[in-house]
Amino acid sequence: MLNYLALSSYFIALSQGRLDVILNPFKLYTIPIQDWINTGVNLLVDRCRPIFQIIRIPFSLALDGIEWLFLAIPPLILLLILGLTIWQLAGRKIAIYSVIGLIFLGFLGVWEQTMMTLSLMGTAVLFCAAIGVPIGIACARSDRLEQFVRPVLDFMQTLPLFIYLVPVVMLFGIGKVPGVIVTLVVAIPPLIRLTNLGIRQVSTEVVEAAIAFGSTPKQVLWEVLLPLAMPSILTGLNQTILIALSMSVIASMIAVQGLGMMVLQGTSSLNVGLAAVGGLGIVLIAIMLDRISQAVGEADRQVSWFEQGPIGFLLSQLNIIKKKRIQKKPSLLK
């Protein structure tokens, strides 16, 4: 009788275990993707560290150069240079706003942090443009490459931003250069997408007309496709700038100095004032860069660059532009 009860209990337990496995099959096996990723990254760190140290060099040179330039020039002279440059690129109103915003940040005592953040953003956006625009052009010209790149961009844009920090720190260490690299990885997808989209939206009739008039493929690219796709490319660059600026706080977690570090320190020490000043600085810079990039994208292409901004003002005072316009009128009447 006892043996019968024990045997019955065994079969009941066995059937219960099988039922649990059927109802929850995930207990049987889990994919060890975490171990695979750790093994892969450790292998990269052990075998390819010299390569990643070489990759750091151009980023380090560009970042150190821009940061040195911003910090070496006295603030008043730099304000004058930036104001005139922004006036030439984006117009007088945006230049006035930018100068006032930078002066305000200077009086808040965060001039140095602002210049560090601007140099970090400038370097990241520079490399984004140098890498993203050619990839976007290549995607526009090859459907197979576009099909390969699209899921990669989807993955890059949907992956939580903090996840990028771990492999970047393991491969490149901490500091400013890894901050530029992680900002580049996060900010480059919109530029690739919108460059690809802008070139694909160029009318085929325009391209065929250019080819019919004897244009070479290089001339079609530089004189037809890129000028017509420029509004879309500049929109992508605008998105890249804003995403890069939003990364300033996350990048500060790997010891990147600047306004983002102020926000991080203020948050971690419950210093609301410090965090607010850093956040205000980021907002002012974001608005400034957004308006500049939008104004460049909406610029009147029928007016030459030297007929506007401070150069146009100077030339008009010297009556050079007026003379040119007067010389053009007889030819127009003909």
C-alpha atoms as a PDB file:
ATOM      1  CA  MET A   1       0.000   0.000   0.000  1.00  0.00           C
ATOM      2  CA  LEU A   2       2.835   2.383   0.928  1.00  0.00           C
ATOM      3  CA  ASN A   3       4.691   1.562  -2.278  1.00  0.00           C
ATOM      4  CA  TYR A   4       1.545   2.284  -4.264  1.00  0.00           C
ATOM      5  CA  LEU A   5       1.122   5.688  -2.606  1.00  0.00           C
ATOM      6  CA  ALA A   6       4.776   6.600  -3.172  1.00  0.00           C
ATOM      7  CA  LEU A   7       4.582   5.549  -6.816  1.00  0.00           C
ATOM      8  CA  SER A   8       1.389   7.573  -7.272  1.00  0.00           C
ATOM      9  CA  SER A   9       3.005  10.640  -5.697  1.00  0.00           C
ATOM     10  CA  TYR A  10       5.992  10.250  -8.007  1.00  0.00           C
ATOM     11  CA  PHE A  11       3.832  10.136 -11.124  1.00  0.00           C
ATOM     12  CA  ILE A  12       1.726  13.077  -9.940  1.00  0.00           C
ATOM     13  CA  ALA A  13       4.854  15.149  -9.309  1.00  0.00           C
ATOM     14  CA  LEU A  14       6.279  14.129 -12.687  1.00  0.00           C
ATOM     15  CA  SER A  15       3.097  15.048 -14.512  1.00  0.00           C
ATOM     16  CA  GLN A  16       2.934  18.342 -12.590  1.00  0.00           C
ATOM     17  CA  GLY A  17       6.530  19.123 -13.604  1.00  0.00           C
ATOM     18  CA  ARG A  18       5.799  18.364 -17.262  1.00  0.00           C
ATOM     19  CA  LEU A  19       2.694  20.535 -17.084  1.00  0.00           C
ATOM     20  CA  ASP A  20       4.777  23.414 -15.677  1.00  0.00           C
ATOM     21  CA  VAL A  21       7.265  22.994 -18.495  1.00  0.00           C
ATOM     22  CA  ILE A  22       4.499  22.988 -21.091  1.00  0.00           C
ATOM     23  CA  LEU A  23       2.869  26.065 -19.591  1.00  0.00           C
ATOM     24  CA  ASN A  24       6.196  27.883 -19.143  1.00  0.00           C
ATOM     25  CA  PRO A  25       8.638  26.573 -21.803  1.00  0.00           C
ATOM     26  CA  PHE A  26      11.078  29.435 -21.097  1.00  0.00           C
ATOM     27  CA  LYS A  27      12.335  27.437 -18.081  1.00  0.00           C
ATOM     28  CA  LEU A  28      13.889  24.890 -20.407  1.00  0.00           C
ATOM     29  CA  TYR A  29      16.314  27.233 -22.204  1.00  0.00           C
ATOM     30  CA  THR A  30      17.246  30.907 -22.353  1.00  0.00           C
ATOM     31  CA  ILE A  31      19.433  32.416 -25.045  1.00  0.00           C
ATOM     32  CA  PRO A  32      22.701  33.522 -23.364  1.00  0.00           C
ATOM     33  CA  ILE A  33      22.951  36.698 -25.424  1.00  0.00           C
ATOM     34  CA  GLN A  34      24.293  38.602 -22.409  1.00  0.00           C
ATOM     35  CA  ASP A  35      27.279  36.236 -22.193  1.00  0.00           C
ATOM     36  CA  TRP A  36      27.801  36.403 -25.947  1.00  0.00           C
ATOM     37  CA  ILE A  37      27.898  40.223 -25.922  1.00  0.00           C
ATOM     38  CA  ASN A  38      30.249  40.299 -22.934  1.00  0.00           C
ATOM     39  CA  THR A  39      32.524  37.761 -24.600  1.00  0.00           C
ATOM     40  CA  GLY A  40      32.512  39.715 -27.857  1.00  0.00           C
ATOM     41  CA  VAL A  41      33.259  43.074 -26.212  1.00  0.00           C
ATOM     42  CA  ASN A  42      35.994  41.552 -24.017  1.00  0.00           C
ATOM     43  CA  LEU A  43      37.527  39.962 -27.105  1.00  0.00           C
ATOM     44  CA  LEU A  44      37.468  43.335 -28.892  1.00  0.00           C
ATOM     45  CA  VAL A  45      39.029  45.069 -25.894  1.00  0.00           C
ATOM     46  CA  ASP A  46      41.808  42.467 -25.575  1.00  0.00           C
ATOM     47  CA  ARG A  47      42.653  42.070 -29.258  1.00  0.00           C
ATOM     48  CA  CYS A  48      41.850  45.448 -30.829  1.00  0.00           C
ATOM     49  CA  ARG A  49      42.727  48.042 -28.181  1.00  0.00           C
ATOM     50  CA  PRO A  50      45.581  49.551 -30.285  1.00  0.00           C
ATOM     51  CA  ILE A  51      43.154  50.038 -33.181  1.00  0.00           C
ATOM     52  CA  PHE A  52      40.688  51.906 -30.982  1.00  0.00           C
ATOM     53  CA  GLN A  53      43.501  54.030 -29.584  1.00  0.00           C
ATOM     54  CA  ILE A  54      44.368  55.013 -33.167  1.00  0.00           C
ATOM     55  CA  ILE A  55      40.702  55.820 -33.870  1.00  0.00           C
ATOM     56  CA  ARG A  56      40.822  58.261 -30.938  1.00  0.00           C
ATOM     57  CA  ILE A  57      43.525  60.395 -32.589  1.00  0.00           C
ATOM     58  CA  PRO A  58      41.468  62.415 -35.144  1.00  0.00           C
ATOM     59  CA  PHE A  59      38.711  62.999 -32.582  1.00  0.00           C
ATOM     60  CA  SER A  60      41.249  64.111 -29.995  1.00  0.00           C
ATOM     61  CA  LEU A  61      43.028  66.462 -32.412  1.00  0.00           C
ATOM     62  CA  ALA A  62      39.806  68.106 -33.594  1.00  0.00           C
ATOM     63  CA  LEU A  63      38.301  68.420 -30.121  1.00  0.00           C
ATOM     64  CA  ASP A  64      41.453  69.740 -28.472  1.00  0.00           C
ATOM     65  CA  GLY A  65      41.973  72.216 -31.316  1.00  0.00           C
ATOM     66  CA  ILE A  66      38.427  73.627 -31.194  1.00  0.00           C
ATOM     67  CA  GLU A  67      38.385  73.751 -27.390  1.00  0.00           C
ATOM     68  CA  TRP A  68      41.777  75.450 -27.254  1.00  0.00           C
ATOM     69  CA  LEU A  69      40.599  78.021 -29.801  1.00  0.00           C
ATOM     70  CA  PHE A  70      37.401  78.812 -27.891  1.00  0.00           C
ATOM     71  CA  LEU A  71      39.174  79.094 -24.531  1.00  0.00           C
ATOM     72  CA  ALA A  72      42.307  80.904 -25.767  1.00  0.00           C
ATOM     73  CA  ILE A  73      40.477  83.787 -27.455  1.00  0.00           C
ATOM     74  CA  PRO A  74      39.296  86.456 -24.982  1.00  0.00           C
ATOM     75  CA  PRO A  75      35.504  86.310 -24.529  1.00  0.00           C
ATOM     76  CA  LEU A  76      34.849  89.796 -25.953  1.00  0.00           C
ATOM     77  CA  ILE A  77      36.779  89.090 -29.153  1.00  0.00           C
ATOM     78  CA  LEU A  78      35.189  85.646 -29.480  1.00  0.00           C
ATOM     79  CA  LEU A  79      31.737  87.208 -29.063  1.00  0.00           C
ATOM     80  CA  LEU A  80      32.549  89.633 -31.875  1.00  0.00           C
ATOM     81  CA  ILE A  81      33.791  86.831 -34.151  1.00  0.00           C
ATOM     82  CA  LEU A  82      30.805  84.581 -33.404  1.00  0.00           C
ATOM     83  CA  GLY A  83      28.348  87.462 -33.819  1.00  0.00           C
ATOM     84  CA  LEU A  84      29.715  88.451 -37.235  1.00  0.00           C
ATOM     85  CA  THR A  85      29.885  84.810 -38.373  1.00  0.00           C
ATOM     86  CA  ILE A  86      26.307  84.087 -37.298  1.00  0.00           C
ATOM     87  CA  TRP A  87      25.127  87.340 -38.914  1.00  0.00           C
ATOM     88  CA  GLN A  88      26.742  86.252 -42.183  1.00  0.00           C
ATOM     89  CA  LEU A  89      25.268  82.731 -42.017  1.00  0.00           C
ATOM     90  CA  ALA A  90      21.859  83.213 -40.439  1.00  0.00           C
ATOM     91  CA  GLY A  91      20.962  86.892 -40.319  1.00  0.00           C
ATOM     92  CA  ARG A  92      21.109  89.867 -37.993  1.00  0.00           C
ATOM     93  CA  LYS A  93      18.300  88.905 -35.572  1.00  0.00           C
ATOM     94  CA  ILE A  94      19.720  85.463 -34.807  1.00  0.00           C
ATOM     95  CA  ALA A  95      23.181  86.977 -34.400  1.00  0.00           C
ATOM     96  CA  ILE A  96      21.828  89.478 -31.845  1.00  0.00           C
ATOM     97  CA  TYR A  97      20.020  86.711 -29.952  1.00  0.00           C
ATOM     98  CA  SER A  98      23.122  84.509 -29.967  1.00  0.00           C
ATOM     99  CA  VAL A  99      25.397  87.269 -28.673  1.00  0.00           C
ATOM    100  CA  ILE A 100      22.925  88.251 -25.946  1.00  0.00           C
ATOM    101  CA  GLY A 101      22.511  84.602 -24.935  1.00  0.00           C
ATOM    102  CA  LEU A 102      26.264  84.034 -24.733  1.00  0.00           C
ATOM    103  CA  ILE A 103      26.754  87.270 -22.760  1.00  0.00           C
ATOM    104  CA  PHE A 104      24.036  86.118 -20.343  1.00  0.00           C
ATOM    105  CA  LEU A 105      25.794  82.761 -19.892  1.00  0.00           C
ATOM    106  CA  GLY A 106      29.070  84.587 -19.328  1.00  0.00           C
ATOM    107  CA  PHE A 107      27.550  86.671 -16.536  1.00  0.00           C
ATOM    108  CA  LEU A 108      26.150  83.461 -15.004  1.00  0.00           C
ATOM    109  CA  GLY A 109      29.767  82.361 -14.579  1.00  0.00           C
ATOM    110  CA  VAL A 110      29.573  79.394 -16.977  1.00  0.00           C
ATOM    111  CA  TRP A 111      31.511  80.799 -19.944  1.00  0.00           C
ATOM    112  CA  GLU A 112      34.196  78.108 -19.767  1.00  0.00           C
ATOM    113  CA  GLN A 113      31.645  75.285 -19.465  1.00  0.00           C
ATOM    114  CA  THR A 114      29.680  76.768 -22.386  1.00  0.00           C
ATOM    115  CA  MET A 115      32.780  76.820 -24.593  1.00  0.00           C
ATOM    116  CA  MET A 116      33.578  73.212 -23.611  1.00  0.00           C
ATOM    117  CA  THR A 117      30.052  72.134 -24.526  1.00  0.00           C
ATOM    118  CA  LEU A 118      30.169  74.046 -27.822  1.00  0.00           C
ATOM    119  CA  SER A 119      33.527  72.500 -28.736  1.00  0.00           C
ATOM    120  CA  LEU A 120      32.223  69.015 -27.913  1.00  0.00           C
ATOM    121  CA  MET A 121      29.072  69.577 -29.968  1.00  0.00           C
ATOM    122  CA  GLY A 122      31.016  71.170 -32.825  1.00  0.00           C
ATOM    123  CA  THR A 123      33.441  68.246 -33.033  1.00  0.00           C
ATOM    124  CA  ALA A 124      30.670  65.638 -32.894  1.00  0.00           C
ATOM    125  CA  VAL A 125      28.575  67.414 -35.550  1.00  0.00           C
ATOM    126  CA  LEU A 126      31.662  67.885 -37.752  1.00  0.00           C
ATOM    127  CA  PHE A 127      32.374  64.147 -37.750  1.00  0.00           C
ATOM    128  CA  CYS A 128      28.663  63.363 -38.156  1.00  0.00           C
ATOM    129  CA  ALA A 129      28.602  65.470 -41.334  1.00  0.00           C
ATOM    130  CA  ALA A 130      31.866  63.972 -42.630  1.00  0.00           C
ATOM    131  CA  ILE A 131      30.618  60.397 -42.124  1.00  0.00           C
ATOM    132  CA  GLY A 132      26.816  60.671 -42.343  1.00  0.00           C
ATOM    133  CA  VAL A 133      26.435  62.614 -45.611  1.00  0.00           C
ATOM    134  CA  PRO A 134      28.607  60.202 -47.706  1.00  0.00           C
ATOM    135  CA  ILE A 135      26.750  57.205 -46.218  1.00  0.00           C
ATOM    136  CA  GLY A 136      23.413  58.878 -47.021  1.00  0.00           C
ATOM    137  CA  ILE A 137      24.541  59.539 -50.606  1.00  0.00           C
ATOM    138  CA  ALA A 138      25.708  55.920 -50.959  1.00  0.00           C
ATOM    139  CA  CYS A 139      22.351  54.669 -49.604  1.00  0.00           C
ATOM    140  CA  ALA A 140      20.490  56.870 -52.098  1.00  0.00           C
ATOM    141  CA  ARG A 141      22.451  55.346 -54.961  1.00  0.00           C
ATOM    142  CA  SER A 142      22.215  51.704 -53.858  1.00  0.00           C
ATOM    143  CA  ASP A 143      18.939  50.076 -52.803  1.00  0.00           C
ATOM    144  CA  ARG A 144      20.814  47.038 -51.479  1.00  0.00           C
ATOM    145  CA  LEU A 145      22.994  49.184 -49.199  1.00  0.00           C
ATOM    146  CA  GLU A 146      19.922  51.145 -48.075  1.00  0.00           C
ATOM    147  CA  GLN A 147      18.159  47.876 -47.137  1.00  0.00           C
ATOM    148  CA  PHE A 148      21.224  46.869 -45.110  1.00  0.00           C
ATOM    149  CA  VAL A 149      21.671  50.247 -43.385  1.00  0.00           C
ATOM    150  CA  ARG A 150      18.002  50.865 -42.506  1.00  0.00           C
ATOM    151  CA  PRO A 151      17.679  48.184 -39.755  1.00  0.00           C
ATOM    152  CA  VAL A 152      21.045  49.285 -38.352  1.00  0.00           C
ATOM    153  CA  LEU A 153      19.747  52.857 -38.080  1.00  0.00           C
ATOM    154  CA  ASP A 154      16.487  51.605 -36.523  1.00  0.00           C
ATOM    155  CA  PHE A 155      18.540  49.716 -33.937  1.00  0.00           C
ATOM    156  CA  MET A 156      20.753  52.739 -33.241  1.00  0.00           C
ATOM    157  CA  GLN A 157      17.809  55.111 -32.809  1.00  0.00           C
ATOM    158  CA  THR A 158      15.695  52.864 -30.577  1.00  0.00           C
ATOM    159  CA  LEU A 159      18.423  51.503 -28.304  1.00  0.00           C
ATOM    160  CA  PRO A 160      18.383  53.298 -24.915  1.00  0.00           C
ATOM    161  CA  LEU A 161      21.118  55.923 -24.898  1.00  0.00           C
ATOM    162  CA  PHE A 162      22.760  54.759 -21.662  1.00  0.00           C
ATOM    163  CA  ILE A 163      23.627  51.376 -23.207  1.00  0.00           C
ATOM    164  CA  TYR A 164      26.133  53.052 -25.536  1.00  0.00           C
ATOM    165  CA  LEU A 165      28.197  54.250 -22.599  1.00  0.00           C
ATOM    166  CA  VAL A 166      29.431  50.816 -21.452  1.00  0.00           C
ATOM    167  CA  PRO A 167      31.063  49.556 -24.681  1.00  0.00           C
ATOM    168  CA  VAL A 168      32.423  53.044 -25.474  1.00  0.00           C
ATOM    169  CA  VAL A 169      34.093  53.234 -22.047  1.00  0.00           C
ATOM    170  CA  MET A 170      35.508  49.704 -22.413  1.00  0.00           C
ATOM    171  CA  LEU A 171      36.905  50.435 -25.880  1.00  0.00           C
ATOM    172  CA  PHE A 172      37.978  54.095 -25.571  1.00  0.00           C
ATOM    173  CA  GLY A 173      38.137  54.792 -21.831  1.00  0.00           C
ATOM    174  CA  ILE A 174      36.574  57.849 -20.200  1.00  0.00           C
ATOM    175  CA  GLY A 175      36.877  61.573 -20.912  1.00  0.00           C
ATOM    176  CA  LYS A 176      36.150  64.005 -23.710  1.00  0.00           C
ATOM    177  CA  VAL A 177      37.027  61.839 -26.717  1.00  0.00           C
ATOM    178  CA  PRO A 178      34.745  58.931 -25.722  1.00  0.00           C
ATOM    179  CA  GLY A 179      32.075  61.591 -25.120  1.00  0.00           C
ATOM    180  CA  VAL A 180      32.444  62.789 -28.713  1.00  0.00           C
ATOM    181  CA  ILE A 181      32.323  59.212 -30.017  1.00  0.00           C
ATOM    182  CA  VAL A 182      29.184  58.258 -28.101  1.00  0.00           C
ATOM    183  CA  THR A 183      27.552  61.528 -29.216  1.00  0.00           C
ATOM    184  CA  LEU A 184      28.499  60.737 -32.808  1.00  0.00           C
ATOM    185  CA  VAL A 185      26.941  57.264 -32.618  1.00  0.00           C
ATOM    186  CA  VAL A 186      23.684  58.603 -31.206  1.00  0.00           C
ATOM    187  CA  ALA A 187      23.371  61.709 -33.406  1.00  0.00           C
ATOM    188  CA  ILE A 188      24.343  60.398 -36.847  1.00  0.00           C
ATOM    189  CA  PRO A 189      21.225  58.346 -37.873  1.00  0.00           C
ATOM    190  CA  PRO A 190      18.915  61.336 -38.689  1.00  0.00           C
ATOM    191  CA  LEU A 191      21.550  62.867 -40.967  1.00  0.00           C
ATOM    192  CA  ILE A 192      21.994  59.593 -42.894  1.00  0.00           C
ATOM    193  CA  ARG A 193      18.231  59.108 -43.228  1.00  0.00           C
ATOM    194  CA  LEU A 194      17.439  62.655 -44.400  1.00  0.00           C
ATOM    195  CA  THR A 195      20.403  62.801 -46.807  1.00  0.00           C
ATOM    196  CA  ASN A 196      19.201  59.548 -48.353  1.00  0.00           C
ATOM    197  CA  LEU A 197      15.605  60.811 -48.485  1.00  0.00           C
ATOM    198  CA  GLY A 198      16.532  64.219 -49.917  1.00  0.00           C
ATOM    199  CA  ILE A 199      18.532  62.758 -52.804  1.00  0.00           C
ATOM    200  CA  ARG A 200      15.880  60.142 -53.566  1.00  0.00           C
ATOM    201  CA  GLN A 201      13.238  62.890 -53.773  1.00  0.00           C
ATOM    202  CA  VAL A 202      15.085  64.773 -56.519  1.00  0.00           C
ATOM    203  CA  SER A 203      13.038  64.556 -59.696  1.00  0.00           C
ATOM    204  CA  THR A 204      14.312  61.932 -62.159  1.00  0.00           C
ATOM    205  CA  GLU A 205      13.429  64.290 -65.038  1.00  0.00           C
ATOM    206  CA  VAL A 206      15.918  66.845 -63.693  1.00  0.00           C
ATOM    207  CA  VAL A 207      18.644  64.200 -63.429  1.00  0.00           C
ATOM    208  CA  GLU A 208      17.879  62.869 -66.924  1.00  0.00           C
ATOM    209  CA  ALA A 209      17.997  66.422 -68.322  1.00  0.00           C
ATOM    210  CA  ALA A 210      21.394  66.985 -66.702  1.00  0.00           C
ATOM    211  CA  ILE A 211      22.697  63.717 -68.180  1.00  0.00           C
ATOM    212  CA  ALA A 212      21.217  64.615 -71.577  1.00  0.00           C
ATOM    213  CA  PHE A 213      23.156  67.903 -71.515  1.00  0.00           C
ATOM    214  CA  GLY A 214      26.375  65.945 -71.050  1.00  0.00           C
ATOM    215  CA  SER A 215      26.913  66.134 -67.298  1.00  0.00           C
ATOM    216  CA  THR A 216      29.196  63.510 -65.804  1.00  0.00           C
ATOM    217  CA  PRO A 217      28.029  61.483 -62.752  1.00  0.00           C
ATOM    218  CA  LYS A 218      30.221  63.677 -60.541  1.00  0.00           C
ATOM    219  CA  GLN A 219      28.656  66.856 -61.984  1.00  0.00           C
ATOM    220  CA  VAL A 220      25.152  65.415 -61.521  1.00  0.00           C
ATOM    221  CA  LEU A 221      25.944  64.736 -57.877  1.00  0.00           C
ATOM    222  CA  TRP A 222      27.596  68.069 -57.022  1.00  0.00           C
ATOM    223  CA  GLU A 223      25.613  70.418 -59.275  1.00  0.00           C
ATOM    224  CA  VAL A 224      22.149  68.803 -59.307  1.00  0.00           C
ATOM    225  CA  LEU A 225      21.494  66.252 -56.571  1.00  0.00           C
ATOM    226  CA  LEU A 226      23.235  67.868 -53.597  1.00  0.00           C
ATOM    227  CA  PRO A 227      21.925  71.440 -54.217  1.00  0.00           C
ATOM    228  CA  LEU A 228      18.334  70.199 -54.635  1.00  0.00           C
ATOM    229  CA  ALA A 229      18.616  67.899 -51.608  1.00  0.00           C
ATOM    230  CA  MET A 230      20.288  70.560 -49.462  1.00  0.00           C
ATOM    231  CA  PRO A 231      17.116  71.565 -47.498  1.00  0.00           C
ATOM    232  CA  SER A 232      16.601  67.941 -46.448  1.00  0.00           C
ATOM    233  CA  ILE A 233      20.302  67.527 -45.602  1.00  0.00           C
ATOM    234  CA  LEU A 234      20.250  70.682 -43.478  1.00  0.00           C
ATOM    235  CA  THR A 235      17.120  69.446 -41.695  1.00  0.00           C
ATOM    236  CA  GLY A 236      19.035  66.272 -40.878  1.00  0.00           C
ATOM    237  CA  LEU A 237      21.968  68.348 -39.671  1.00  0.00           C
ATOM    238  CA  ASN A 238      19.591  70.346 -37.481  1.00  0.00           C
ATOM    239  CA  GLN A 239      18.287  67.136 -35.893  1.00  0.00           C
ATOM    240  CA  THR A 240      21.862  65.914 -35.419  1.00  0.00           C
ATOM    241  CA  ILE A 241      22.823  69.132 -33.609  1.00  0.00           C
ATOM    242  CA  LEU A 242      19.860  68.946 -31.227  1.00  0.00           C
ATOM    243  CA  ILE A 243      20.409  65.249 -30.450  1.00  0.00           C
ATOM    244  CA  ALA A 244      24.114  65.896 -29.893  1.00  0.00           C
ATOM    245  CA  LEU A 245      23.276  68.687 -27.462  1.00  0.00           C
ATOM    246  CA  SER A 246      20.794  66.478 -25.615  1.00  0.00           C
ATOM    247  CA  MET A 247      23.630  63.971 -25.132  1.00  0.00           C
ATOM    248  CA  SER A 248      25.695  66.477 -23.135  1.00  0.00           C
ATOM    249  CA  VAL A 249      24.194  65.351 -19.800  1.00  0.00           C
ATOM    250  CA  ILE A 250      24.460  61.616 -20.575  1.00  0.00           C
ATOM    251  CA  ALA A 251      28.024  62.022 -21.829  1.00  0.00           C
ATOM    252  CA  SER A 252      28.953  63.751 -18.564  1.00  0.00           C
ATOM    253  CA  MET A 253      28.550  60.348 -16.874  1.00  0.00           C
ATOM    254  CA  ILE A 254      31.854  59.347 -18.462  1.00  0.00           C
ATOM    255  CA  ALA A 255      33.657  62.439 -17.149  1.00  0.00           C
ATOM    256  CA  VAL A 256      32.912  64.864 -19.998  1.00  0.00           C
ATOM    257  CA  GLN A 257      33.157  68.412 -18.650  1.00  0.00           C
ATOM    258  CA  GLY A 258      30.781  71.200 -19.568  1.00  0.00           C
ATOM    259  CA  LEU A 259      27.199  72.254 -18.923  1.00  0.00           C
ATOM    260  CA  GLY A 260      26.056  68.618 -18.812  1.00  0.00           C
ATOM    261  CA  MET A 261      28.436  67.942 -15.916  1.00  0.00           C
ATOM    262  CA  MET A 262      26.849  70.848 -14.017  1.00  0.00           C
ATOM    263  CA  VAL A 263      23.400  69.277 -14.454  1.00  0.00           C
ATOM    264  CA  LEU A 264      24.710  65.879 -13.352  1.00  0.00           C
ATOM    265  CA  GLN A 265      26.488  67.275 -10.289  1.00  0.00           C
ATOM    266  CA  GLY A 266      23.465  69.385  -9.352  1.00  0.00           C
ATOM    267  CA  THR A 267      21.153  66.403  -9.655  1.00  0.00           C
ATOM    268  CA  SER A 268      23.382  64.020  -7.699  1.00  0.00           C
ATOM    269  CA  SER A 269      23.906  66.534  -4.842  1.00  0.00           C
ATOM    270  CA  LEU A 270      20.328  67.912  -4.900  1.00  0.00           C
ATOM    271  CA  ASN A 271      21.735  71.339  -5.785  1.00  0.00           C
ATOM    272  CA  VAL A 272      18.785  72.685  -7.750  1.00  0.00           C
ATOM    273  CA  GLY A 273      20.486  75.980  -8.595  1.00  0.00           C
ATOM    274  CA  LEU A 274      23.532  74.319 -10.129  1.00  0.00           C
ATOM    275  CA  ALA A 275      21.385  71.946 -12.188  1.00  0.00           C
ATOM    276  CA  ALA A 276      19.108  74.799 -13.289  1.00  0.00           C
ATOM    277  CA  VAL A 277      22.016  76.973 -14.475  1.00  0.00           C
ATOM    278  CA  GLY A 278      23.486  74.073 -16.452  1.00  0.00           C
ATOM    279  CA  GLY A 279      20.091  73.228 -17.933  1.00  0.00           C
ATOM    280  CA  LEU A 280      19.426  76.881 -18.833  1.00  0.00           C
ATOM    281  CA  GLY A 281      22.755  77.051 -20.625  1.00  0.00           C
ATOM    282  CA  ILE A 282      21.930  73.912 -22.644  1.00  0.00           C
ATOM    283  CA  VAL A 283      18.512  75.312 -23.603  1.00  0.00           C
ATOM    284  CA  LEU A 284      19.954  78.663 -24.754  1.00  0.00           C
ATOM    285  CA  ILE A 285      22.622  76.951 -26.853  1.00  0.00           C
ATOM    286  CA  ALA A 286      20.057  74.525 -28.302  1.00  0.00           C
ATOM    287  CA  ILE A 287      17.774  77.389 -29.395  1.00  0.00           C
ATOM    288  CA  MET A 288      20.732  79.292 -30.836  1.00  0.00           C
ATOM    289  CA  LEU A 289      22.044  76.341 -32.875  1.00  0.00           C
ATOM    290  CA  ASP A 290      18.526  75.372 -33.987  1.00  0.00           C
ATOM    291  CA  ARG A 291      17.770  78.857 -35.296  1.00  0.00           C
ATOM    292  CA  ILE A 292      21.137  79.100 -37.031  1.00  0.00           C
ATOM    293  CA  SER A 293      20.738  75.767 -38.830  1.00  0.00           C
ATOM    294  CA  GLN A 294      17.124  76.599 -39.803  1.00  0.00           C
ATOM    295  CA  ALA A 295      18.136  79.998 -41.153  1.00  0.00           C
ATOM    296  CA  VAL A 296      20.953  78.473 -43.189  1.00  0.00           C
ATOM    297  CA  GLY A 297      18.487  75.948 -44.640  1.00  0.00           C
ATOM    298  CA  GLU A 298      15.960  78.660 -45.505  1.00  0.00           C
ATOM    299  CA  ALA A 299      18.499  81.102 -46.923  1.00  0.00           C
ATOM    300  CA  ASP A 300      17.654  82.852 -50.175  1.00  0.00           C
ATOM    301  CA  ARG A 301      19.742  81.013 -52.776  1.00  0.00           C
ATOM    302  CA  GLN A 302      19.225  83.803 -55.337  1.00  0.00           C
ATOM    303  CA  VAL A 303      21.312  86.237 -53.292  1.00  0.00           C
ATOM    304  CA  SER A 304      25.055  85.694 -53.275  1.00  0.00           C
ATOM    305  CA  TRP A 305      26.652  85.096 -49.901  1.00  0.00           C
ATOM    306  CA  PHE A 306      28.751  88.250 -50.227  1.00  0.00           C
ATOM    307  CA  GLU A 307      25.636  90.382 -50.774  1.00  0.00           C
ATOM    308  CA  GLN A 308      24.295  89.645 -47.286  1.00  0.00           C
ATOM    309  CA  GLY A 309      25.503  89.825 -43.721  1.00  0.00           C
ATOM    310  CA  PRO A 310      28.400  91.985 -42.565  1.00  0.00           C
ATOM    311  CA  ILE A 311      30.299  91.432 -45.835  1.00  0.00           C
ATOM    312  CA  GLY A 312      27.289  92.656 -47.854  1.00  0.00           C
ATOM    313  CA  PHE A 313      26.881  95.609 -45.507  1.00  0.00           C
ATOM    314  CA  LEU A 314      30.547  96.521 -45.888  1.00  0.00           C
ATOM    315  CA  LEU A 315      30.462  96.176 -49.665  1.00  0.00           C
ATOM    316  CA  SER A 316      27.263  98.235 -49.886  1.00  0.00           C
ATOM    317  CA  GLN A 317      28.924 100.992 -47.875  1.00  0.00           C
ATOM    318  CA  LEU A 318      31.771 100.948 -50.377  1.00  0.00           C
ATOM    319  CA  ASN A 319      29.209 101.052 -53.252  1.00  0.00           C
ATOM    320  CA  ILE A 320      30.664  97.882 -54.766  1.00  0.00           C
ATOM    321  CA  ILE A 321      27.392  95.957 -54.802  1.00  0.00           C
ATOM    322  CA  LYS A 322      25.458  98.922 -56.222  1.00  0.00           C
ATOM    323  CA  LYS A 323      27.914  99.214 -59.064  1.00  0.00           C
ATOM    324  CA  LYS A 324      27.516  95.520 -59.845  1.00  0.00           C
ATOM    325  CA  ARG A 325      23.724  95.799 -59.845  1.00  0.00           C
ATOM    326  CA  ILE A 326      23.852  98.824 -62.148  1.00  0.00           C
ATOM    327  CA  GLN A 327      26.147  96.941 -64.501  1.00  0.00           C
ATOM    328  CA  LYS A 328      23.699  94.035 -64.574  1.00  0.00           C
ATOM    329  CA  LYS A 329      20.640  96.145 -65.513  1.00  0.00           C
ATOM    330  CA  PRO A 330      21.510  96.810 -69.208  1.00  0.00           C
ATOM    331  CA  SER A 331      22.058  93.106 -69.805  1.00  0.00           C
ATOM    332  CA  LEU A 332      18.658  92.339 -68.259  1.00  0.00           C
ATOM    333  CA  LEU A 333      16.927  94.899 -70.504  1.00  0.00           C
ATOM    334  CA  LYS A 334      18.379  93.243 -73.557  1.00  0.00           C
END
